[in-house]
Amino acid sequence: MTPKHTNMKALDHQRDVTADDPLRLAVAEKIAFPDGSMTAAGLRREAVSDRLRVERIAGKDYTTLEAIKR
């Protein structure tokens, strides 16, 4: 089974990511929850419950580390 595509370049350069940079949910979960305790699906559920701000751009969901922190 092939792992889902994530932007590994963004993960490799996390120091360059600011709290307000838009990140795909799969990338945001890996940076904000490196222990794997949260998934992109979990972040989507939080957005549906209005506990996480997510923006949809071109059919893709984005959030920020600041939004996750809140």
PDB file of N, CA and C in Angstrom:
ATOM      1  N   MET A   1       0.842  -1.174   0.000  1.00  0.00           N
ATOM      2  CA  MET A   1       0.000   0.000   0.000  1.00  0.00           C
ATOM      3  C   MET A   1       0.895   1.248   0.000  1.00  0.00           C
ATOM      4  N   THR A   2       0.622   2.152  -0.887  1.00  0.00           N
ATOM      5  CA  THR A   2       1.403   3.379  -1.010  1.00  0.00           C
ATOM      6  C   THR A   2       0.869   4.418  -0.038  1.00  0.00           C
ATOM      7  N   PRO A   3       1.746   5.084   0.722  1.00  0.00           N
ATOM      8  CA  PRO A   3       1.263   6.121   1.641  1.00  0.00           C
ATOM      9  C   PRO A   3       0.665   7.286   0.881  1.00  0.00           C
ATOM     10  N   LYS A   4      -0.281   7.957   1.536  1.00  0.00           N
ATOM     11  CA  LYS A   4      -0.895   9.135   0.919  1.00  0.00           C
ATOM     12  C   LYS A   4       0.167  10.187   0.674  1.00  0.00           C
ATOM     13  N   HIS A   5      -0.012  10.933  -0.396  1.00  0.00           N
ATOM     14  CA  HIS A   5       0.927  12.000  -0.740  1.00  0.00           C
ATOM     15  C   HIS A   5       0.799  13.141   0.261  1.00  0.00           C
ATOM     16  N   THR A   6       1.912  13.548   0.821  1.00  0.00           N
ATOM     17  CA  THR A   6       1.950  14.754   1.646  1.00  0.00           C
ATOM     18  C   THR A   6       3.103  15.600   1.154  1.00  0.00           C
ATOM     19  N   ASN A   7       3.042  16.829   1.450  1.00  0.00           N
ATOM     20  CA  ASN A   7       4.095  17.730   1.018  1.00  0.00           C
ATOM     21  C   ASN A   7       5.292  17.559   1.946  1.00  0.00           C
ATOM     22  N   MET A   8       6.140  16.599   1.642  1.00  0.00           N
ATOM     23  CA  MET A   8       7.286  16.296   2.487  1.00  0.00           C
ATOM     24  C   MET A   8       8.273  17.452   2.513  1.00  0.00           C
ATOM     25  N   LYS A   9       8.330  18.238   1.432  1.00  0.00           N
ATOM     26  CA  LYS A   9       9.223  19.395   1.419  1.00  0.00           C
ATOM     27  C   LYS A   9       8.840  20.352   2.548  1.00  0.00           C
ATOM     28  N   ALA A  10       7.539  20.559   2.741  1.00  0.00           N
ATOM     29  CA  ALA A  10       7.086  21.434   3.820  1.00  0.00           C
ATOM     30  C   ALA A  10       7.469  20.849   5.173  1.00  0.00           C
ATOM     31  N   LEU A  11       7.383  19.534   5.302  1.00  0.00           N
ATOM     32  CA  LEU A  11       7.751  18.905   6.569  1.00  0.00           C
ATOM     33  C   LEU A  11       9.241  19.014   6.819  1.00  0.00           C
ATOM     34  N   ASP A  12      10.039  18.885   5.784  1.00  0.00           N
ATOM     35  CA  ASP A  12      11.484  18.987   5.928  1.00  0.00           C
ATOM     36  C   ASP A  12      11.918  20.390   6.324  1.00  0.00           C
ATOM     37  N   HIS A  13      11.131  21.370   5.971  1.00  0.00           N
ATOM     38  CA  HIS A  13      11.487  22.767   6.225  1.00  0.00           C
ATOM     39  C   HIS A  13      10.509  23.418   7.194  1.00  0.00           C
ATOM     40  N   GLN A  14      10.083  22.677   8.225  1.00  0.00           N
ATOM     41  CA  GLN A  14       9.095  23.209   9.162  1.00  0.00           C
ATOM     42  C   GLN A  14       9.547  24.500   9.808  1.00  0.00           C
ATOM     43  N   ARG A  15      10.839  24.688   9.954  1.00  0.00           N
ATOM     44  CA  ARG A  15      11.321  25.919  10.580  1.00  0.00           C
ATOM     45  C   ARG A  15      10.937  27.136   9.745  1.00  0.00           C
ATOM     46  N   ASP A  16      10.710  26.926   8.450  1.00  0.00           N
ATOM     47  CA  ASP A  16      10.333  28.024   7.567  1.00  0.00           C
ATOM     48  C   ASP A  16       8.827  28.299   7.592  1.00  0.00           C
ATOM     49  N   VAL A  17       8.050  27.432   8.214  1.00  0.00           N
ATOM     50  CA  VAL A  17       6.600  27.575   8.256  1.00  0.00           C
ATOM     51  C   VAL A  17       6.235  28.483   9.421  1.00  0.00           C
ATOM     52  N   THR A  18       5.469  29.539   9.126  1.00  0.00           N
ATOM     53  CA  THR A  18       5.021  30.431  10.191  1.00  0.00           C
ATOM     54  C   THR A  18       3.645  29.997  10.678  1.00  0.00           C
ATOM     55  N   ALA A  19       3.217  30.565  11.776  1.00  0.00           N
ATOM     56  CA  ALA A  19       1.939  30.191  12.379  1.00  0.00           C
ATOM     57  C   ALA A  19       0.755  30.539  11.487  1.00  0.00           C
ATOM     58  N   ASP A  20       0.937  31.479  10.558  1.00  0.00           N
ATOM     59  CA  ASP A  20      -0.177  31.920   9.707  1.00  0.00           C
ATOM     60  C   ASP A  20      -0.115  31.391   8.272  1.00  0.00           C
ATOM     61  N   ASP A  21       0.848  30.534   7.971  1.00  0.00           N
ATOM     62  CA  ASP A  21       0.931  29.960   6.623  1.00  0.00           C
ATOM     63  C   ASP A  21      -0.187  28.951   6.410  1.00  0.00           C
ATOM     64  N   PRO A  22      -0.893  29.027   5.279  1.00  0.00           N
ATOM     65  CA  PRO A  22      -1.917  28.016   4.998  1.00  0.00           C
ATOM     66  C   PRO A  22      -1.247  26.677   4.698  1.00  0.00           C
ATOM     67  N   LEU A  23      -1.731  25.634   5.360  1.00  0.00           N
ATOM     68  CA  LEU A  23      -1.184  24.289   5.185  1.00  0.00           C
ATOM     69  C   LEU A  23      -2.314  23.316   4.873  1.00  0.00           C
ATOM     70  N   ARG A  24      -2.054  22.400   3.963  1.00  0.00           N
ATOM     71  CA  ARG A  24      -3.015  21.315   3.748  1.00  0.00           C
ATOM     72  C   ARG A  24      -3.167  20.575   5.060  1.00  0.00           C
ATOM     73  N   LEU A  25      -4.330  20.016   5.317  1.00  0.00           N
ATOM     74  CA  LEU A  25      -4.598  19.388   6.605  1.00  0.00           C
ATOM     75  C   LEU A  25      -3.626  18.254   6.909  1.00  0.00           C
ATOM     76  N   ALA A  26      -3.257  17.470   5.912  1.00  0.00           N
ATOM     77  CA  ALA A  26      -2.322  16.356   6.135  1.00  0.00           C
ATOM     78  C   ALA A  26      -0.951  16.857   6.568  1.00  0.00           C
ATOM     79  N   VAL A  27      -0.535  17.988   6.054  1.00  0.00           N
ATOM     80  CA  VAL A  27       0.755  18.571   6.442  1.00  0.00           C
ATOM     81  C   VAL A  27       0.627  19.186   7.834  1.00  0.00           C
ATOM     82  N   ALA A  28      -0.454  19.909   8.081  1.00  0.00           N
ATOM     83  CA  ALA A  28      -0.663  20.551   9.378  1.00  0.00           C
ATOM     84  C   ALA A  28      -0.704  19.529  10.501  1.00  0.00           C
ATOM     85  N   GLU A  29      -1.352  18.406  10.274  1.00  0.00           N
ATOM     86  CA  GLU A  29      -1.435  17.393  11.335  1.00  0.00           C
ATOM     87  C   GLU A  29      -0.079  16.805  11.653  1.00  0.00           C
ATOM     88  N   LYS A  30       0.774  16.644  10.663  1.00  0.00           N
ATOM     89  CA  LYS A  30       2.104  16.081  10.907  1.00  0.00           C
ATOM     90  C   LYS A  30       3.007  17.059  11.659  1.00  0.00           C
ATOM     91  N   ILE A  31       2.834  18.353  11.408  1.00  0.00           N
ATOM     92  CA  ILE A  31       3.640  19.357  12.105  1.00  0.00           C
ATOM     93  C   ILE A  31       3.093  19.588  13.521  1.00  0.00           C
ATOM     94  N   ALA A  32       1.784  19.768  13.642  1.00  0.00           N
ATOM     95  CA  ALA A  32       1.182  20.113  14.927  1.00  0.00           C
ATOM     96  C   ALA A  32       1.063  18.919  15.870  1.00  0.00           C
ATOM     97  N   PHE A  33       0.965  17.715  15.305  1.00  0.00           N
ATOM     98  CA  PHE A  33       0.789  16.504  16.106  1.00  0.00           C
ATOM     99  C   PHE A  33       1.783  15.441  15.647  1.00  0.00           C
ATOM    100  N   PRO A  34       3.070  15.662  15.888  1.00  0.00           N
ATOM    101  CA  PRO A  34       4.088  14.728  15.375  1.00  0.00           C
ATOM    102  C   PRO A  34       3.977  13.324  15.953  1.00  0.00           C
ATOM    103  N   ASP A  35       3.247  13.159  17.048  1.00  0.00           N
ATOM    104  CA  ASP A  35       3.070  11.828  17.627  1.00  0.00           C
ATOM    105  C   ASP A  35       1.990  11.019  16.920  1.00  0.00           C
ATOM    106  N   GLY A  36       1.311  11.634  15.942  1.00  0.00           N
ATOM    107  CA  GLY A  36       0.289  10.924  15.175  1.00  0.00           C
ATOM    108  C   GLY A  36      -1.063  10.843  15.869  1.00  0.00           C
ATOM    109  N   SER A  37      -1.255  11.624  16.922  1.00  0.00           N
ATOM    110  CA  SER A  37      -2.502  11.556  17.685  1.00  0.00           C
ATOM    111  C   SER A  37      -3.682  12.233  16.995  1.00  0.00           C
ATOM    112  N   MET A  38      -3.434  12.967  15.917  1.00  0.00           N
ATOM    113  CA  MET A  38      -4.497  13.636  15.169  1.00  0.00           C
ATOM    114  C   MET A  38      -4.298  13.358  13.688  1.00  0.00           C
ATOM    115  N   THR A  39      -5.403  13.202  12.981  1.00  0.00           N
ATOM    116  CA  THR A  39      -5.360  12.950  11.538  1.00  0.00           C
ATOM    117  C   THR A  39      -6.029  14.106  10.797  1.00  0.00           C
ATOM    118  N   ALA A  40      -5.862  14.118   9.494  1.00  0.00           N
ATOM    119  CA  ALA A  40      -6.528  15.135   8.676  1.00  0.00           C
ATOM    120  C   ALA A  40      -8.048  14.993   8.816  1.00  0.00           C
ATOM    121  N   ALA A  41      -8.524  13.769   8.902  1.00  0.00           N
ATOM    122  CA  ALA A  41      -9.967  13.542   9.078  1.00  0.00           C
ATOM    123  C   ALA A  41     -10.441  14.119  10.416  1.00  0.00           C
ATOM    124  N   GLY A  42      -9.628  13.980  11.445  1.00  0.00           N
ATOM    125  CA  GLY A  42      -9.964  14.560  12.744  1.00  0.00           C
ATOM    126  C   GLY A  42     -10.018  16.074  12.678  1.00  0.00           C
ATOM    127  N   LEU A  43      -9.084  16.677  11.958  1.00  0.00           N
ATOM    128  CA  LEU A  43      -9.103  18.136  11.784  1.00  0.00           C
ATOM    129  C   LEU A  43     -10.352  18.562  11.022  1.00  0.00           C
ATOM    130  N   ARG A  44     -10.760  17.780  10.017  1.00  0.00           N
ATOM    131  CA  ARG A  44     -11.999  18.100   9.279  1.00  0.00           C
ATOM    132  C   ARG A  44     -13.211  18.037  10.204  1.00  0.00           C
ATOM    133  N   ARG A  45     -13.253  17.035  11.083  1.00  0.00           N
ATOM    134  CA  ARG A  45     -14.368  16.927  12.032  1.00  0.00           C
ATOM    135  C   ARG A  45     -14.409  18.151  12.954  1.00  0.00           C
ATOM    136  N   GLU A  46     -13.242  18.621  13.379  1.00  0.00           N
ATOM    137  CA  GLU A  46     -13.191  19.829  14.210  1.00  0.00           C
ATOM    138  C   GLU A  46     -13.716  21.038  13.439  1.00  0.00           C
ATOM    139  N   ALA A  47     -13.423  21.106  12.162  1.00  0.00           N
ATOM    140  CA  ALA A  47     -13.909  22.213  11.326  1.00  0.00           C
ATOM    141  C   ALA A  47     -15.436  22.158  11.201  1.00  0.00           C
ATOM    142  N   VAL A  48     -15.979  20.966  11.002  1.00  0.00           N
ATOM    143  CA  VAL A  48     -17.434  20.813  10.895  1.00  0.00           C
ATOM    144  C   VAL A  48     -18.110  21.236  12.194  1.00  0.00           C
ATOM    145  N   SER A  49     -17.440  20.994  13.311  1.00  0.00           N
ATOM    146  CA  SER A  49     -17.976  21.367  14.627  1.00  0.00           C
ATOM    147  C   SER A  49     -17.680  22.823  14.991  1.00  0.00           C
ATOM    148  N   ASP A  50     -17.134  23.575  14.048  1.00  0.00           N
ATOM    149  CA  ASP A  50     -16.778  24.992  14.247  1.00  0.00           C
ATOM    150  C   ASP A  50     -15.750  25.205  15.346  1.00  0.00           C
ATOM    151  N   ARG A  51     -14.875  24.227  15.567  1.00  0.00           N
ATOM    152  CA  ARG A  51     -13.802  24.383  16.547  1.00  0.00           C
ATOM    153  C   ARG A  51     -12.457  24.616  15.871  1.00  0.00           C
ATOM    154  N   LEU A  52     -12.426  24.592  14.529  1.00  0.00           N
ATOM    155  CA  LEU A  52     -11.189  24.826  13.781  1.00  0.00           C
ATOM    156  C   LEU A  52     -11.534  25.569  12.503  1.00  0.00           C
ATOM    157  N   ARG A  53     -10.820  26.644  12.242  1.00  0.00           N
ATOM    158  CA  ARG A  53     -11.040  27.395  11.006  1.00  0.00           C
ATOM    159  C   ARG A  53     -10.295  26.714   9.870  1.00  0.00           C
ATOM    160  N   VAL A  54     -11.035  26.345   8.852  1.00  0.00           N
ATOM    161  CA  VAL A  54     -10.482  25.713   7.656  1.00  0.00           C
ATOM    162  C   VAL A  54     -11.006  26.479   6.455  1.00  0.00           C
ATOM    163  N   GLU A  55     -10.114  26.730   5.504  1.00  0.00           N
ATOM    164  CA  GLU A  55     -10.515  27.393   4.265  1.00  0.00           C
ATOM    165  C   GLU A  55     -10.411  26.394   3.123  1.00  0.00           C
ATOM    166  N   ARG A  56     -11.400  26.401   2.248  1.00  0.00           N
ATOM    167  CA  ARG A  56     -11.390  25.532   1.084  1.00  0.00           C
ATOM    168  C   ARG A  56     -10.991  26.359  -0.118  1.00  0.00           C
ATOM    169  N   ILE A  57      -9.902  25.957  -0.749  1.00  0.00           N
ATOM    170  CA  ILE A  57      -9.394  26.636  -1.932  1.00  0.00           C
ATOM    171  C   ILE A  57      -9.205  25.578  -3.007  1.00  0.00           C
ATOM    172  N   ALA A  58      -9.852  25.785  -4.137  1.00  0.00           N
ATOM    173  CA  ALA A  58      -9.760  24.853  -5.269  1.00  0.00           C
ATOM    174  C   ALA A  58     -10.055  23.418  -4.831  1.00  0.00           C
ATOM    175  N   GLY A  59     -11.036  23.264  -3.945  1.00  0.00           N
ATOM    176  CA  GLY A  59     -11.452  21.936  -3.510  1.00  0.00           C
ATOM    177  C   GLY A  59     -10.518  21.288  -2.499  1.00  0.00           C
ATOM    178  N   LYS A  60      -9.572  22.036  -1.969  1.00  0.00           N
ATOM    179  CA  LYS A  60      -8.625  21.505  -0.987  1.00  0.00           C
ATOM    180  C   LYS A  60      -8.760  22.288   0.310  1.00  0.00           C
ATOM    181  N   ASP A  61      -8.644  21.579   1.442  1.00  0.00           N
ATOM    182  CA  ASP A  61      -8.796  22.205   2.748  1.00  0.00           C
ATOM    183  C   ASP A  61      -7.447  22.634   3.312  1.00  0.00           C
ATOM    184  N   TYR A  62      -7.420  23.857   3.826  1.00  0.00           N
ATOM    185  CA  TYR A  62      -6.213  24.434   4.416  1.00  0.00           C
ATOM    186  C   TYR A  62      -6.540  24.991   5.800  1.00  0.00           C
ATOM    187  N   THR A  63      -5.558  24.933   6.683  1.00  0.00           N
ATOM    188  CA  THR A  63      -5.665  25.581   7.986  1.00  0.00           C
ATOM    189  C   THR A  63      -4.274  26.111   8.346  1.00  0.00           C
ATOM    190  N   THR A  64      -4.187  26.759   9.483  1.00  0.00           N
ATOM    191  CA  THR A  64      -2.897  27.289   9.943  1.00  0.00           C
ATOM    192  C   THR A  64      -2.560  26.681  11.292  1.00  0.00           C
ATOM    193  N   LEU A  65      -1.303  26.750  11.651  1.00  0.00           N
ATOM    194  CA  LEU A  65      -0.910  26.277  12.975  1.00  0.00           C
ATOM    195  C   LEU A  65      -1.510  27.149  14.065  1.00  0.00           C
ATOM    196  N   GLU A  66      -1.700  28.429  13.783  1.00  0.00           N
ATOM    197  CA  GLU A  66      -2.359  29.330  14.738  1.00  0.00           C
ATOM    198  C   GLU A  66      -3.803  28.901  14.980  1.00  0.00           C
ATOM    199  N   ALA A  67      -4.515  28.529  13.928  1.00  0.00           N
ATOM    200  CA  ALA A  67      -5.904  28.070  14.072  1.00  0.00           C
ATOM    201  C   ALA A  67      -5.952  26.795  14.908  1.00  0.00           C
ATOM    202  N   ILE A  68      -4.998  25.908  14.714  1.00  0.00           N
ATOM    203  CA  ILE A  68      -4.950  24.680  15.507  1.00  0.00           C
ATOM    204  C   ILE A  68      -4.649  25.011  16.973  1.00  0.00           C
ATOM    205  N   LYS A  69      -3.757  25.956  17.186  1.00  0.00           N
ATOM    206  CA  LYS A  69      -3.396  26.351  18.546  1.00  0.00           C
ATOM    207  C   LYS A  69      -4.613  26.891  19.299  1.00  0.00           C
ATOM    208  N   ARG A  70      -5.440  27.671  18.601  1.00  0.00           N
ATOM    209  CA  ARG A  70      -6.642  28.236  19.237  1.00  0.00           C
ATOM    210  C   ARG A  70      -7.594  27.136  19.568  1.00  0.00           C
TER     211      ARG A  70
END
